[in-house]
Amino acid sequence: MHARDLLSRRRPPVALRFGPSVDVSAGDVRVATDALMGAIQQLSGQEYLPGYAPRRAA
């Protein structure tokens, strides 16, 4: 595929929403991730699923 083919395709509309700041200063990465994902959920209207994806085997 050539670059000109990508540029000629119609792009879908994009909407950006900005909400209040999210405090991610907690020492725990998972707590900060939950806070950030909760804020994204509220802005986007996504459904909350209380769980994490399973870890892949190394």
N, C-alpha and C. Protein backbone atom coordinates (compact mmCIF):
# COMPACT_ATOMS: atom_id res chain seq x y z
N MET A 1 0.85 -1.17 0.00
CA MET A 1 0.00 0.00 0.00
C MET A 1 0.90 1.23 0.00
N HIS A 2 0.58 2.17 -0.82
CA HIS A 2 1.35 3.41 -0.93
C HIS A 2 0.79 4.48 -0.01
N ALA A 3 1.62 5.45 0.32
CA ALA A 3 1.20 6.55 1.19
C ALA A 3 0.04 7.32 0.58
N ARG A 4 0.05 7.49 -0.73
CA ARG A 4 -1.05 8.24 -1.36
C ARG A 4 -2.39 7.53 -1.19
N ASP A 5 -2.36 6.19 -1.11
CA ASP A 5 -3.60 5.44 -0.88
C ASP A 5 -4.14 5.71 0.52
N LEU A 6 -3.25 5.81 1.50
CA LEU A 6 -3.68 6.09 2.87
C LEU A 6 -4.23 7.50 3.00
N LEU A 7 -3.61 8.45 2.31
CA LEU A 7 -4.05 9.84 2.42
C LEU A 7 -5.36 10.09 1.70
N SER A 8 -5.67 9.28 0.70
CA SER A 8 -6.89 9.51 -0.05
C SER A 8 -8.12 8.93 0.63
N ARG A 9 -7.93 8.07 1.61
CA ARG A 9 -9.07 7.48 2.31
C ARG A 9 -9.75 8.51 3.19
N ARG A 10 -11.03 8.36 3.35
CA ARG A 10 -11.80 9.27 4.18
C ARG A 10 -11.54 8.97 5.65
N ARG A 11 -11.26 9.99 6.40
CA ARG A 11 -10.97 9.82 7.83
C ARG A 11 -12.25 10.01 8.64
N PRO A 12 -12.45 9.17 9.64
CA PRO A 12 -13.63 9.35 10.49
C PRO A 12 -13.47 10.59 11.37
N PRO A 13 -14.58 11.18 11.80
CA PRO A 13 -14.47 12.35 12.67
C PRO A 13 -13.86 11.97 14.03
N VAL A 14 -13.12 12.89 14.59
CA VAL A 14 -12.46 12.66 15.87
C VAL A 14 -12.98 13.69 16.87
N ALA A 15 -13.28 13.23 18.08
CA ALA A 15 -13.74 14.13 19.14
C ALA A 15 -12.80 13.98 20.34
N LEU A 16 -12.40 15.10 20.89
CA LEU A 16 -11.56 15.10 22.08
C LEU A 16 -12.34 15.69 23.24
N ARG A 17 -12.26 15.04 24.38
CA ARG A 17 -12.90 15.56 25.60
C ARG A 17 -11.83 15.67 26.67
N PHE A 18 -11.87 16.77 27.38
CA PHE A 18 -10.93 16.99 28.47
C PHE A 18 -11.71 17.08 29.77
N GLY A 19 -11.27 16.33 30.75
CA GLY A 19 -11.91 16.35 32.05
C GLY A 19 -10.97 16.92 33.08
N PRO A 20 -11.38 16.85 34.34
CA PRO A 20 -10.51 17.36 35.40
C PRO A 20 -9.24 16.52 35.52
N SER A 21 -8.21 17.10 36.11
CA SER A 21 -6.95 16.37 36.29
C SER A 21 -7.16 15.17 37.18
N VAL A 22 -6.34 14.16 36.95
CA VAL A 22 -6.39 12.93 37.75
C VAL A 22 -5.11 12.85 38.56
N ASP A 23 -5.26 12.67 39.86
CA ASP A 23 -4.10 12.57 40.74
C ASP A 23 -3.54 11.15 40.66
N VAL A 24 -2.38 11.02 40.06
CA VAL A 24 -1.74 9.71 39.95
C VAL A 24 -0.45 9.67 40.76
N SER A 25 -0.38 10.48 41.80
CA SER A 25 0.84 10.56 42.60
C SER A 25 0.95 9.43 43.63
N ALA A 26 -0.04 8.55 43.69
CA ALA A 26 0.02 7.43 44.64
C ALA A 26 1.23 6.56 44.31
N GLY A 27 1.83 5.98 45.32
CA GLY A 27 3.02 5.16 45.11
C GLY A 27 2.74 3.87 44.37
N ASP A 28 1.50 3.43 44.32
CA ASP A 28 1.14 2.16 43.70
C ASP A 28 0.69 2.41 42.26
N VAL A 29 1.33 1.74 41.33
CA VAL A 29 1.02 1.92 39.92
C VAL A 29 -0.41 1.48 39.61
N ARG A 30 -0.85 0.40 40.24
CA ARG A 30 -2.19 -0.11 39.96
C ARG A 30 -3.27 0.85 40.45
N VAL A 31 -3.05 1.50 41.57
CA VAL A 31 -4.01 2.49 42.09
C VAL A 31 -4.08 3.67 41.12
N ALA A 32 -2.94 4.13 40.64
CA ALA A 32 -2.91 5.23 39.68
C ALA A 32 -3.59 4.84 38.38
N THR A 33 -3.35 3.61 37.92
CA THR A 33 -3.98 3.13 36.69
C THR A 33 -5.50 3.07 36.86
N ASP A 34 -5.96 2.57 37.99
CA ASP A 34 -7.41 2.51 38.25
C ASP A 34 -8.03 3.90 38.25
N ALA A 35 -7.35 4.87 38.83
CA ALA A 35 -7.87 6.24 38.85
C ALA A 35 -7.95 6.81 37.44
N LEU A 36 -6.91 6.59 36.67
CA LEU A 36 -6.89 7.09 35.30
C LEU A 36 -7.95 6.41 34.44
N MET A 37 -8.07 5.10 34.55
CA MET A 37 -9.07 4.37 33.76
C MET A 37 -10.49 4.73 34.18
N GLY A 38 -10.69 5.03 35.47
CA GLY A 38 -12.01 5.48 35.92
C GLY A 38 -12.39 6.81 35.31
N ALA A 39 -11.41 7.71 35.20
CA ALA A 39 -11.67 9.01 34.59
C ALA A 39 -11.98 8.86 33.10
N ILE A 40 -11.25 7.98 32.42
CA ILE A 40 -11.52 7.72 31.00
C ILE A 40 -12.91 7.12 30.84
N GLN A 41 -13.27 6.22 31.74
CA GLN A 41 -14.60 5.60 31.68
C GLN A 41 -15.70 6.64 31.79
N GLN A 42 -15.56 7.58 32.70
CA GLN A 42 -16.58 8.61 32.88
C GLN A 42 -16.69 9.50 31.65
N LEU A 43 -15.57 9.83 31.04
CA LEU A 43 -15.59 10.71 29.86
C LEU A 43 -16.11 10.00 28.62
N SER A 44 -15.84 8.70 28.50
CA SER A 44 -16.19 7.99 27.27
C SER A 44 -17.50 7.20 27.36
N GLY A 45 -18.00 7.01 28.58
CA GLY A 45 -19.23 6.24 28.74
C GLY A 45 -19.01 4.74 28.65
N GLN A 46 -17.77 4.28 28.79
CA GLN A 46 -17.49 2.85 28.75
C GLN A 46 -17.97 2.17 30.01
N GLU A 47 -18.24 0.87 29.88
CA GLU A 47 -18.67 0.08 31.02
C GLU A 47 -17.46 -0.36 31.83
N TYR A 48 -17.57 -0.29 33.16
CA TYR A 48 -16.48 -0.72 34.04
C TYR A 48 -16.52 -2.23 34.20
N LEU A 49 -15.38 -2.88 33.98
CA LEU A 49 -15.25 -4.31 34.22
C LEU A 49 -14.22 -4.50 35.33
N PRO A 50 -14.65 -4.98 36.49
CA PRO A 50 -13.74 -5.07 37.64
C PRO A 50 -12.76 -6.24 37.53
N GLY A 51 -11.80 -6.12 36.68
CA GLY A 51 -10.81 -7.19 36.54
C GLY A 51 -9.71 -6.77 35.59
N TYR A 52 -8.65 -7.51 35.59
CA TYR A 52 -7.52 -7.24 34.72
C TYR A 52 -7.38 -8.40 33.75
N ALA A 53 -6.79 -8.14 32.62
CA ALA A 53 -6.50 -9.20 31.67
C ALA A 53 -5.50 -10.16 32.28
N PRO A 54 -5.60 -11.44 31.95
CA PRO A 54 -4.65 -12.39 32.52
C PRO A 54 -3.23 -12.09 32.03
N ARG A 55 -2.28 -12.35 32.88
CA ARG A 55 -0.87 -12.13 32.50
C ARG A 55 -0.43 -13.23 31.54
N ARG A 56 0.36 -12.81 30.56
CA ARG A 56 0.88 -13.77 29.61
C ARG A 56 2.07 -14.53 30.21
N ALA A 57 2.22 -15.75 29.81
CA ALA A 57 3.37 -16.54 30.27
C ALA A 57 4.63 -16.00 29.61
N ALA A 58 5.70 -15.98 30.37
CA ALA A 58 6.97 -15.44 29.84
C ALA A 58 7.66 -16.39 28.91
